[in-house]
C-alpha cells in the first residue's frame, strides 16, 4: 500500500486502521496505542492519531447519530470497516473546523472504495449525505440523535 495514500488521506487510513483494531478487539484506541498496533506507511501521523483518539472519545454520540441516519442497518450488522469509516467521517464533519463536509464525505467514499465491499461507497455516501445538511446548517447532530 506504500505510496498509494499521502498527506491527510494517509492520516485517515492510519486512523481507520487504529479504529478497526480497537473495534475488532473490543478495546479503546488508547489501549491499542499503548500496545502493539499495525498501521501502513508508518510512523503514525499526528493527525491520524488525533482523529482516532477523537472518534474514540465521542464514539457513543457518533454511533447515536449513525443509528438515526441508518435505520435499515444496525451498527452491529454493518461491516466493521464501514462502521469505522462512518465514525471517522462524522467526526471530521462535526469536530474538525478546517475540514468541509464535502471533503469529509469524499474522503470517506475513497476509503470505502479502498477498504470496503463493492456496496460500501454507495452505503457510506448515503448515510453521510443524510447527515450532511444538518451539519452544514450548524445543527447539533449529537443532540438531535438523543431526541
N, C-alpha and C. Protein backbone atom coordinates (compact mmCIF):
# COMPACT_ATOMS: atom_id res chain seq x y z
N UNK A 1 0.83 -1.18 0.00
CA UNK A 1 0.00 0.00 0.00
C UNK A 1 0.87 1.25 0.00
N UNK A 2 2.15 1.10 0.18
CA UNK A 2 3.06 2.22 0.25
C UNK A 2 2.92 3.11 -0.98
N UNK A 3 2.85 4.40 -0.75
CA UNK A 3 2.76 5.35 -1.83
C UNK A 3 1.37 5.57 -2.39
N UNK A 4 0.42 4.75 -2.04
CA UNK A 4 -0.93 4.90 -2.57
C UNK A 4 -1.64 6.10 -1.95
N UNK A 5 -1.37 6.33 -0.70
CA UNK A 5 -2.00 7.44 0.02
C UNK A 5 -0.92 8.35 0.58
N UNK A 6 -1.26 9.62 0.71
CA UNK A 6 -0.32 10.57 1.28
C UNK A 6 -1.05 11.64 2.04
N UNK A 7 -0.33 12.46 2.77
CA UNK A 7 -0.89 13.59 3.49
C UNK A 7 -2.01 13.21 4.44
N UNK A 8 -3.06 14.01 4.42
CA UNK A 8 -4.19 13.76 5.32
C UNK A 8 -4.92 12.47 4.98
N UNK A 9 -4.89 12.08 3.72
CA UNK A 9 -5.53 10.82 3.36
C UNK A 9 -4.82 9.67 4.05
N UNK A 10 -3.50 9.68 4.06
CA UNK A 10 -2.75 8.65 4.78
C UNK A 10 -3.08 8.69 6.28
N UNK A 11 -3.20 9.88 6.83
CA UNK A 11 -3.56 10.01 8.25
C UNK A 11 -4.93 9.38 8.51
N UNK A 12 -5.87 9.57 7.59
CA UNK A 12 -7.20 8.95 7.73
C UNK A 12 -7.11 7.43 7.64
N UNK A 13 -6.28 6.94 6.73
CA UNK A 13 -6.08 5.49 6.61
C UNK A 13 -5.54 4.94 7.93
N UNK A 14 -4.56 5.61 8.49
CA UNK A 14 -3.98 5.16 9.76
C UNK A 14 -5.02 5.22 10.88
N UNK A 15 -5.80 6.29 10.93
CA UNK A 15 -6.86 6.39 11.95
C UNK A 15 -7.85 5.25 11.78
N UNK A 16 -8.23 4.96 10.55
CA UNK A 16 -9.16 3.86 10.29
C UNK A 16 -8.57 2.54 10.77
N UNK A 17 -7.30 2.33 10.54
CA UNK A 17 -6.65 1.10 10.97
C UNK A 17 -6.67 0.98 12.50
N UNK A 18 -6.42 2.07 13.19
CA UNK A 18 -6.45 2.06 14.65
C UNK A 18 -7.87 1.81 15.16
N UNK A 19 -8.85 2.47 14.55
CA UNK A 19 -10.24 2.28 14.94
C UNK A 19 -10.69 0.84 14.69
N UNK A 20 -10.26 0.29 13.57
CA UNK A 20 -10.60 -1.09 13.23
C UNK A 20 -10.04 -2.04 14.29
N UNK A 21 -8.78 -1.85 14.65
CA UNK A 21 -8.15 -2.72 15.65
C UNK A 21 -8.84 -2.60 17.01
N UNK A 22 -9.20 -1.40 17.38
CA UNK A 22 -9.90 -1.20 18.65
C UNK A 22 -11.26 -1.88 18.62
N UNK A 23 -12.00 -1.67 17.55
CA UNK A 23 -13.35 -2.24 17.41
C UNK A 23 -13.30 -3.77 17.36
N UNK A 24 -12.40 -4.31 16.57
CA UNK A 24 -12.31 -5.76 16.38
C UNK A 24 -11.92 -6.49 17.68
N UNK A 25 -11.19 -5.79 18.55
CA UNK A 25 -10.71 -6.41 19.79
C UNK A 25 -11.41 -5.89 21.03
N UNK A 26 -12.51 -5.16 20.84
CA UNK A 26 -13.26 -4.58 21.97
C UNK A 26 -12.34 -3.84 22.92
N UNK A 27 -11.53 -2.97 22.34
CA UNK A 27 -10.60 -2.16 23.12
C UNK A 27 -10.80 -0.69 22.77
N UNK A 28 -10.21 0.16 23.55
CA UNK A 28 -10.21 1.58 23.22
C UNK A 28 -9.00 1.87 22.33
N UNK A 29 -9.02 2.99 21.66
CA UNK A 29 -7.87 3.39 20.87
C UNK A 29 -6.67 3.58 21.77
N UNK A 30 -6.89 4.12 22.95
CA UNK A 30 -5.79 4.30 23.91
C UNK A 30 -5.13 2.97 24.22
N UNK A 31 -5.93 1.93 24.43
CA UNK A 31 -5.37 0.60 24.70
C UNK A 31 -4.60 0.07 23.49
N UNK A 32 -5.13 0.30 22.30
CA UNK A 32 -4.44 -0.14 21.09
C UNK A 32 -3.10 0.58 20.97
N UNK A 33 -3.10 1.88 21.19
CA UNK A 33 -1.87 2.66 21.06
C UNK A 33 -0.83 2.32 22.12
N UNK A 34 -1.28 1.84 23.27
CA UNK A 34 -0.33 1.52 24.34
C UNK A 34 0.33 0.15 24.15
N UNK A 35 -0.14 -0.61 23.16
CA UNK A 35 0.45 -1.92 22.88
C UNK A 35 0.98 -1.98 21.47
N UNK A 36 1.01 -3.19 20.94
CA UNK A 36 1.43 -3.38 19.56
C UNK A 36 0.25 -3.09 18.64
N UNK A 37 0.45 -2.25 17.67
CA UNK A 37 -0.59 -1.97 16.70
C UNK A 37 0.04 -1.95 15.32
N UNK A 38 -0.80 -2.12 14.32
CA UNK A 38 -0.32 -2.16 12.95
C UNK A 38 -0.94 -1.02 12.15
N UNK A 39 -0.07 -0.27 11.49
CA UNK A 39 -0.53 0.76 10.55
C UNK A 39 0.33 0.66 9.30
N UNK A 40 -0.26 1.06 8.20
CA UNK A 40 0.51 1.07 6.97
C UNK A 40 1.27 2.38 6.88
N UNK A 41 2.39 2.30 6.22
CA UNK A 41 3.17 3.51 5.94
C UNK A 41 3.41 4.36 7.18
N UNK A 42 3.97 3.76 8.23
CA UNK A 42 4.30 4.49 9.44
C UNK A 42 5.44 5.46 9.21
N UNK A 43 5.77 6.28 10.16
CA UNK A 43 5.23 6.33 11.51
C UNK A 43 3.82 6.94 11.55
N UNK A 44 3.19 6.79 12.69
CA UNK A 44 1.84 7.30 12.88
C UNK A 44 1.81 8.82 12.71
N UNK A 45 0.96 9.26 11.81
CA UNK A 45 0.79 10.69 11.56
C UNK A 45 0.04 11.31 12.75
N UNK A 46 0.48 12.48 13.23
CA UNK A 46 -0.20 13.11 14.36
C UNK A 46 -1.69 13.38 14.10
N UNK A 47 -2.03 13.75 12.87
CA UNK A 47 -3.44 13.99 12.55
C UNK A 47 -4.22 12.67 12.62
N UNK A 48 -3.64 11.60 12.15
CA UNK A 48 -4.29 10.30 12.23
C UNK A 48 -4.53 9.87 13.67
N UNK A 49 -3.54 10.10 14.50
CA UNK A 49 -3.70 9.77 15.92
C UNK A 49 -4.78 10.63 16.55
N UNK A 50 -4.78 11.93 16.23
CA UNK A 50 -5.80 12.83 16.77
C UNK A 50 -7.20 12.40 16.35
N UNK A 51 -7.35 12.01 15.08
CA UNK A 51 -8.65 11.54 14.60
C UNK A 51 -9.09 10.29 15.34
N UNK A 52 -8.21 9.31 15.44
CA UNK A 52 -8.57 8.05 16.10
C UNK A 52 -8.96 8.28 17.55
N UNK A 53 -8.17 9.08 18.25
CA UNK A 53 -8.49 9.37 19.67
C UNK A 53 -9.79 10.15 19.79
N UNK A 54 -10.00 11.11 18.90
CA UNK A 54 -11.22 11.91 18.93
C UNK A 54 -12.47 11.08 18.67
N UNK A 55 -12.40 10.21 17.67
CA UNK A 55 -13.53 9.32 17.39
C UNK A 55 -13.81 8.45 18.60
N UNK A 56 -12.76 7.90 19.18
CA UNK A 56 -12.92 7.00 20.32
C UNK A 56 -13.57 7.72 21.51
N UNK A 57 -13.17 8.95 21.76
CA UNK A 57 -13.73 9.71 22.87
C UNK A 57 -15.20 10.04 22.68
N UNK A 58 -15.64 10.20 21.43
CA UNK A 58 -17.02 10.58 21.14
C UNK A 58 -17.83 9.45 20.49
N UNK A 59 -17.31 8.23 20.60
CA UNK A 59 -17.90 7.11 19.87
C UNK A 59 -19.38 6.90 20.16
N UNK A 60 -19.80 7.01 21.41
CA UNK A 60 -21.22 6.77 21.72
C UNK A 60 -22.12 7.81 21.09
N UNK A 61 -21.71 9.06 21.12
CA UNK A 61 -22.50 10.12 20.49
C UNK A 61 -22.50 9.96 18.97
N UNK A 62 -21.33 9.64 18.41
CA UNK A 62 -21.23 9.44 16.96
C UNK A 62 -22.10 8.26 16.54
N UNK A 63 -22.04 7.18 17.30
CA UNK A 63 -22.85 6.00 16.97
C UNK A 63 -24.34 6.30 17.02
N UNK A 64 -24.76 7.15 17.95
CA UNK A 64 -26.18 7.52 18.04
C UNK A 64 -26.61 8.24 16.76
N UNK A 65 -25.77 9.11 16.25
CA UNK A 65 -26.09 9.83 15.01
C UNK A 65 -26.17 8.85 13.84
N UNK A 66 -25.22 7.94 13.77
CA UNK A 66 -25.22 6.95 12.68
C UNK A 66 -26.47 6.07 12.77
N UNK A 67 -26.84 5.66 13.98
CA UNK A 67 -28.04 4.82 14.16
C UNK A 67 -29.29 5.52 13.62
N UNK A 68 -29.44 6.80 13.93
CA UNK A 68 -30.64 7.51 13.49
C UNK A 68 -30.63 7.76 11.98
N UNK A 69 -29.46 7.76 11.38
CA UNK A 69 -29.35 8.03 9.94
C UNK A 69 -29.29 6.77 9.09
N UNK A 70 -29.19 5.64 9.73
CA UNK A 70 -29.10 4.37 9.02
C UNK A 70 -30.12 3.40 9.59
N UNK A 71 -31.38 3.73 9.43
CA UNK A 71 -32.44 2.94 10.05
C UNK A 71 -32.52 1.51 9.50
N UNK A 72 -32.04 1.30 8.29
CA UNK A 72 -32.13 -0.04 7.71
C UNK A 72 -30.98 -0.96 8.13
N UNK A 73 -29.92 -0.41 8.70
CA UNK A 73 -28.79 -1.20 9.14
C UNK A 73 -28.40 -0.82 10.57
N UNK A 74 -28.41 -1.78 11.46
CA UNK A 74 -27.92 -1.51 12.81
C UNK A 74 -26.39 -1.48 12.76
N UNK A 75 -25.79 -0.81 13.71
CA UNK A 75 -24.33 -0.73 13.75
C UNK A 75 -23.71 -2.12 13.80
N UNK A 76 -24.31 -3.03 14.56
CA UNK A 76 -23.73 -4.36 14.70
C UNK A 76 -23.80 -5.16 13.41
N UNK A 77 -24.72 -4.83 12.51
CA UNK A 77 -24.83 -5.54 11.22
C UNK A 77 -23.94 -4.95 10.14
N UNK A 78 -23.46 -3.74 10.36
CA UNK A 78 -22.59 -3.11 9.36
C UNK A 78 -21.23 -3.80 9.36
N UNK A 79 -20.62 -3.91 8.20
CA UNK A 79 -19.24 -4.37 8.17
C UNK A 79 -18.38 -3.45 9.04
N UNK A 80 -17.43 -4.02 9.75
CA UNK A 80 -16.61 -3.26 10.69
C UNK A 80 -15.88 -2.10 10.00
N UNK A 81 -15.46 -2.30 8.78
CA UNK A 81 -14.78 -1.23 8.05
C UNK A 81 -15.76 -0.08 7.79
N UNK A 82 -16.95 -0.40 7.31
CA UNK A 82 -17.94 0.64 7.03
C UNK A 82 -18.28 1.43 8.29
N UNK A 83 -18.51 0.72 9.36
CA UNK A 83 -18.86 1.35 10.63
C UNK A 83 -17.79 2.35 11.05
N UNK A 84 -16.54 1.97 10.92
CA UNK A 84 -15.46 2.86 11.35
C UNK A 84 -15.17 3.98 10.36
N UNK A 85 -15.42 3.76 9.08
CA UNK A 85 -15.32 4.87 8.12
C UNK A 85 -16.39 5.90 8.42
N UNK A 86 -17.60 5.45 8.72
CA UNK A 86 -18.67 6.38 9.08
C UNK A 86 -18.32 7.17 10.33
N UNK A 87 -17.79 6.49 11.33
CA UNK A 87 -17.39 7.18 12.57
C UNK A 87 -16.34 8.25 12.28
N UNK A 88 -15.35 7.88 11.52
CA UNK A 88 -14.26 8.79 11.19
C UNK A 88 -14.77 10.01 10.42
N UNK A 89 -15.59 9.76 9.41
CA UNK A 89 -16.11 10.87 8.59
C UNK A 89 -17.02 11.78 9.40
N UNK A 90 -17.88 11.20 10.21
CA UNK A 90 -18.79 12.02 11.01
C UNK A 90 -18.00 12.87 12.00
N UNK A 91 -16.96 12.29 12.59
CA UNK A 91 -16.11 13.07 13.49
C UNK A 91 -15.51 14.27 12.75
N UNK A 92 -14.98 14.03 11.56
CA UNK A 92 -14.39 15.15 10.81
C UNK A 92 -15.45 16.18 10.43
N UNK A 93 -16.63 15.72 10.05
CA UNK A 93 -17.70 16.64 9.66
C UNK A 93 -18.10 17.55 10.81
N UNK A 94 -18.12 17.03 12.02
CA UNK A 94 -18.63 17.78 13.16
C UNK A 94 -17.52 18.47 13.96
N UNK A 95 -16.41 17.79 14.14
CA UNK A 95 -15.39 18.26 15.09
C UNK A 95 -14.20 18.99 14.47
N UNK A 96 -13.94 18.78 13.21
CA UNK A 96 -12.77 19.39 12.57
C UNK A 96 -13.20 20.61 11.76
N UNK A 97 -12.94 21.78 12.29
CA UNK A 97 -13.38 23.02 11.66
C UNK A 97 -12.75 23.28 10.29
N UNK A 98 -11.54 22.76 10.06
CA UNK A 98 -10.87 23.05 8.79
C UNK A 98 -11.17 22.01 7.71
N UNK A 99 -12.07 21.08 8.00
CA UNK A 99 -12.48 20.07 7.02
C UNK A 99 -13.93 20.34 6.65
N UNK A 100 -14.18 20.54 5.37
CA UNK A 100 -15.56 20.78 4.94
C UNK A 100 -16.33 19.46 4.94
N UNK A 101 -17.63 19.57 5.00
CA UNK A 101 -18.49 18.38 4.95
C UNK A 101 -18.24 17.61 3.66
N UNK A 102 -18.14 18.32 2.55
CA UNK A 102 -17.92 17.67 1.26
C UNK A 102 -16.60 16.89 1.23
N UNK A 103 -15.55 17.47 1.77
CA UNK A 103 -14.26 16.79 1.81
C UNK A 103 -14.34 15.55 2.69
N UNK A 104 -14.97 15.66 3.84
CA UNK A 104 -15.10 14.51 4.73
C UNK A 104 -15.84 13.36 4.05
N UNK A 105 -16.91 13.69 3.34
CA UNK A 105 -17.68 12.66 2.63
C UNK A 105 -16.86 12.07 1.49
N UNK A 106 -16.21 12.91 0.70
CA UNK A 106 -15.39 12.42 -0.41
C UNK A 106 -14.28 11.49 0.09
N UNK A 107 -13.62 11.89 1.15
CA UNK A 107 -12.55 11.05 1.71
C UNK A 107 -13.11 9.73 2.23
N UNK A 108 -14.27 9.77 2.85
CA UNK A 108 -14.89 8.54 3.36
C UNK A 108 -15.24 7.60 2.22
N UNK A 109 -15.76 8.12 1.14
CA UNK A 109 -16.10 7.30 -0.02
C UNK A 109 -14.83 6.68 -0.62
N UNK A 110 -13.76 7.44 -0.67
CA UNK A 110 -12.49 6.90 -1.19
C UNK A 110 -11.96 5.79 -0.27
N UNK A 111 -12.07 5.98 1.04
CA UNK A 111 -11.67 4.91 1.96
C UNK A 111 -12.53 3.67 1.76
N UNK A 112 -13.81 3.88 1.53
CA UNK A 112 -14.73 2.76 1.30
C UNK A 112 -14.36 2.01 0.03
N UNK A 113 -13.97 2.75 -1.01
CA UNK A 113 -13.55 2.10 -2.26
C UNK A 113 -12.29 1.26 -2.04
N UNK A 114 -11.38 1.78 -1.23
CA UNK A 114 -10.11 1.10 -0.99
C UNK A 114 -10.22 -0.08 -0.03
N UNK A 115 -11.09 0.02 0.97
CA UNK A 115 -11.08 -0.97 2.05
C UNK A 115 -12.41 -1.70 2.27
N UNK A 116 -13.47 -1.20 1.69
CA UNK A 116 -14.79 -1.79 1.93
C UNK A 116 -15.19 -2.79 0.87
N UNK A 117 -16.46 -3.12 0.89
CA UNK A 117 -17.04 -4.03 -0.10
C UNK A 117 -17.46 -3.23 -1.33
N UNK A 118 -17.97 -3.90 -2.32
CA UNK A 118 -18.46 -3.20 -3.51
C UNK A 118 -19.61 -2.25 -3.19
N UNK A 119 -20.39 -2.59 -2.17
CA UNK A 119 -21.54 -1.76 -1.79
C UNK A 119 -21.17 -0.62 -0.84
N UNK A 120 -19.99 -0.68 -0.25
CA UNK A 120 -19.60 0.29 0.78
C UNK A 120 -19.64 1.75 0.34
N UNK A 121 -19.07 2.10 -0.80
CA UNK A 121 -19.06 3.52 -1.16
C UNK A 121 -20.46 4.13 -1.24
N UNK A 122 -21.37 3.42 -1.87
CA UNK A 122 -22.74 3.94 -2.00
C UNK A 122 -23.43 4.03 -0.64
N UNK A 123 -23.27 3.01 0.17
CA UNK A 123 -23.86 2.99 1.51
C UNK A 123 -23.33 4.15 2.34
N UNK A 124 -22.03 4.31 2.38
CA UNK A 124 -21.41 5.37 3.19
C UNK A 124 -21.81 6.74 2.68
N UNK A 125 -21.82 6.93 1.38
CA UNK A 125 -22.25 8.20 0.81
C UNK A 125 -23.69 8.51 1.21
N UNK A 126 -24.55 7.50 1.17
CA UNK A 126 -25.96 7.70 1.53
C UNK A 126 -26.15 8.08 2.98
N UNK A 127 -25.48 7.37 3.88
CA UNK A 127 -25.62 7.67 5.31
C UNK A 127 -25.07 9.06 5.61
N UNK A 128 -23.89 9.35 5.12
CA UNK A 128 -23.29 10.67 5.39
C UNK A 128 -24.07 11.79 4.71
N UNK A 129 -24.60 11.50 3.54
CA UNK A 129 -25.41 12.51 2.84
C UNK A 129 -26.65 12.88 3.63
N UNK A 130 -27.22 11.91 4.34
CA UNK A 130 -28.42 12.20 5.12
C UNK A 130 -28.11 13.05 6.35
N UNK A 131 -26.85 13.07 6.77
CA UNK A 131 -26.42 13.86 7.93
C UNK A 131 -25.88 15.23 7.49
N UNK A 132 -25.41 15.30 6.27
CA UNK A 132 -24.67 16.48 5.78
C UNK A 132 -25.45 17.78 5.88
N UNK A 133 -26.72 17.77 5.54
CA UNK A 133 -27.50 19.01 5.56
C UNK A 133 -27.57 19.59 6.97
N UNK A 134 -27.79 18.73 7.95
CA UNK A 134 -27.85 19.19 9.34
C UNK A 134 -26.51 19.76 9.79
N UNK A 135 -25.43 19.07 9.46
CA UNK A 135 -24.10 19.54 9.86
C UNK A 135 -23.79 20.87 9.19
N UNK A 136 -24.06 20.96 7.90
CA UNK A 136 -23.78 22.20 7.16
C UNK A 136 -24.61 23.37 7.68
N UNK A 137 -25.80 23.08 8.19
CA UNK A 137 -26.66 24.13 8.74
C UNK A 137 -26.28 24.50 10.16
N UNK A 138 -25.28 23.80 10.71
CA UNK A 138 -24.84 24.11 12.07
C UNK A 138 -25.65 23.44 13.15
N UNK A 139 -26.48 22.48 12.79
CA UNK A 139 -27.30 21.78 13.78
C UNK A 139 -26.42 20.92 14.68
N UNK A 140 -26.84 20.75 15.91
CA UNK A 140 -26.16 19.85 16.84
C UNK A 140 -26.67 18.44 16.57
N UNK A 141 -25.97 17.71 15.73
CA UNK A 141 -26.45 16.38 15.34
C UNK A 141 -26.39 15.39 16.49
N UNK A 142 -25.51 15.63 17.46
CA UNK A 142 -25.46 14.76 18.65
C UNK A 142 -26.76 14.93 19.45
N UNK A 143 -27.16 16.18 19.64
CA UNK A 143 -28.40 16.44 20.39
C UNK A 143 -29.60 15.91 19.62
N UNK A 144 -29.64 16.13 18.34
CA UNK A 144 -30.74 15.65 17.52
C UNK A 144 -30.88 14.13 17.63
N UNK A 145 -29.77 13.42 17.67
CA UNK A 145 -29.81 11.95 17.78
C UNK A 145 -30.32 11.48 19.15
N UNK A 146 -30.14 12.32 20.17
CA UNK A 146 -30.61 11.94 21.52
C UNK A 146 -32.11 12.10 21.66
N UNK A 147 -32.75 12.86 20.77
CA UNK A 147 -34.19 13.12 20.89
C UNK A 147 -35.02 11.96 20.42
